[in-house]
Protein backbone atom coordinates (compact mmCIF):
# COMPACT_ATOMS: atom_id res chain seq x y z
CA MET A 1 58.17 -25.65 -13.65
CA ARG A 2 55.42 -28.63 -12.91
CA THR A 3 54.08 -26.36 -9.73
CA VAL A 4 53.25 -22.79 -12.16
CA THR A 5 50.95 -25.53 -14.10
CA TYR A 6 49.50 -27.18 -11.30
CA ALA A 7 48.92 -23.52 -9.69
CA GLY A 8 47.74 -22.37 -13.20
CA ALA A 9 44.99 -25.19 -13.30
CA ALA A 10 44.31 -24.89 -9.87
CA VAL A 11 43.36 -21.31 -10.51
CA VAL A 12 41.20 -22.02 -13.20
CA ILE A 13 39.30 -24.96 -11.38
CA ALA A 14 38.73 -22.74 -8.78
CA LEU A 15 37.48 -20.10 -11.08
CA LEU A 16 35.31 -22.13 -12.90
CA LEU A 17 33.66 -23.52 -9.72
CA ALA A 18 33.18 -20.06 -8.74
CA ALA A 19 31.18 -18.96 -11.83
CA SER A 20 28.89 -22.46 -11.90
CA GLY A 21 26.65 -20.38 -9.54
CA PHE A 22 25.83 -18.19 -11.55
CA ALA A 23 24.66 -20.38 -14.31
CA THR A 24 22.02 -21.74 -12.24
CA SER A 25 18.28 -21.64 -12.74
CA PRO A 26 15.45 -20.66 -10.42
CA ALA A 27 13.43 -23.74 -9.19
CA GLY A 28 10.51 -25.66 -11.80
CA GLY A 29 11.56 -23.37 -14.87
CA GLU A 30 10.44 -19.84 -13.34
CA GLN A 31 11.75 -16.65 -15.39
CA LEU A 32 13.74 -14.27 -13.42
CA SER A 33 13.19 -10.79 -13.72
CA PRO A 34 13.39 -7.30 -11.87
CA VAL A 35 11.00 -6.08 -9.93
CA PRO A 36 9.64 -3.00 -10.49
CA PHE A 37 11.59 -0.30 -8.10
CA ASP A 38 8.46 1.07 -6.43
CA GLU A 39 7.67 -2.02 -5.07
CA THR A 40 10.71 -2.62 -3.79
CA LEU A 41 11.50 -1.55 0.10
CA THR A 42 13.98 1.59 -0.60
CA THR A 43 17.16 2.38 1.04
CA GLY A 44 19.65 5.40 0.50
CA LEU A 45 18.79 8.77 -0.54
CA THR A 46 15.59 10.21 0.92
CA GLY A 47 12.33 10.77 -1.68
CA VAL A 48 12.81 14.42 -1.34
CA ASP A 49 16.66 13.82 -2.73
CA VAL A 50 15.57 11.93 -5.44
CA GLN A 51 12.47 13.90 -6.51
CA GLN A 52 15.11 17.34 -6.38
CA ALA A 53 17.97 15.49 -8.38
CA GLN A 54 15.51 14.17 -11.31
CA ALA A 55 13.82 17.97 -11.05
CA ALA A 56 17.37 19.32 -11.40
CA GLY A 57 18.29 16.79 -14.50
CA TYR A 58 20.32 14.18 -12.76
CA VAL A 59 19.98 10.60 -13.13
CA VAL A 60 19.66 9.21 -9.57
CA PRO A 61 21.26 5.22 -9.86
CA LYS A 62 19.43 2.52 -8.38
CA GLY A 63 20.44 -1.10 -7.33
CA GLN A 64 17.89 -4.26 -6.28
CA VAL A 65 18.90 -7.12 -4.00
CA PHE A 66 17.45 -10.18 -3.83
CA TYR A 67 18.37 -11.85 -0.45
CA SER A 68 17.66 -15.86 0.08
CA GLN A 69 16.75 -15.38 3.66
CA TYR A 70 14.41 -12.32 3.34
CA GLN A 71 11.28 -11.99 2.07
CA TYR A 72 11.43 -8.46 0.10
CA VAL A 73 13.51 -7.48 -2.38
CA VAL A 74 15.82 -4.17 -1.60
CA GLY A 75 16.15 -1.19 -3.33
CA TYR A 76 18.80 0.92 -3.22
CA TYR A 77 19.22 4.95 -4.47
CA GLY A 78 22.71 5.46 -5.29
CA VAL A 79 25.84 3.47 -5.99
CA GLU A 80 27.39 4.58 -2.95
CA THR A 81 24.45 3.36 0.23
CA PHE A 82 24.13 -0.33 -2.47
CA VAL A 83 27.94 -0.72 -2.29
CA ASP A 84 28.20 -0.04 1.71
CA ALA A 85 24.91 -2.05 2.31
CA LYS A 86 27.14 -5.14 0.34
CA ARG A 87 29.86 -5.22 2.28
CA GLN A 88 28.23 -5.38 6.25
């Protein structure tokens, strides 16, 4: 029975440690905010595809990622492109 208790406690501790990375704030007390999407390096759908989809009344999902070792914010058109890029 104690093994289950220790395993449960270990899982809770591991989750708390993993979640603590999201509780940090930027250096110098700066506020983080999304970059305007038209200022990102975009990938995924082409500009023509985005315009055609929007003209047809569709909403094109977008995502942004800031990599700590990369100077620019990367913008993704389409969820599939965003997920595929995160897997690599």
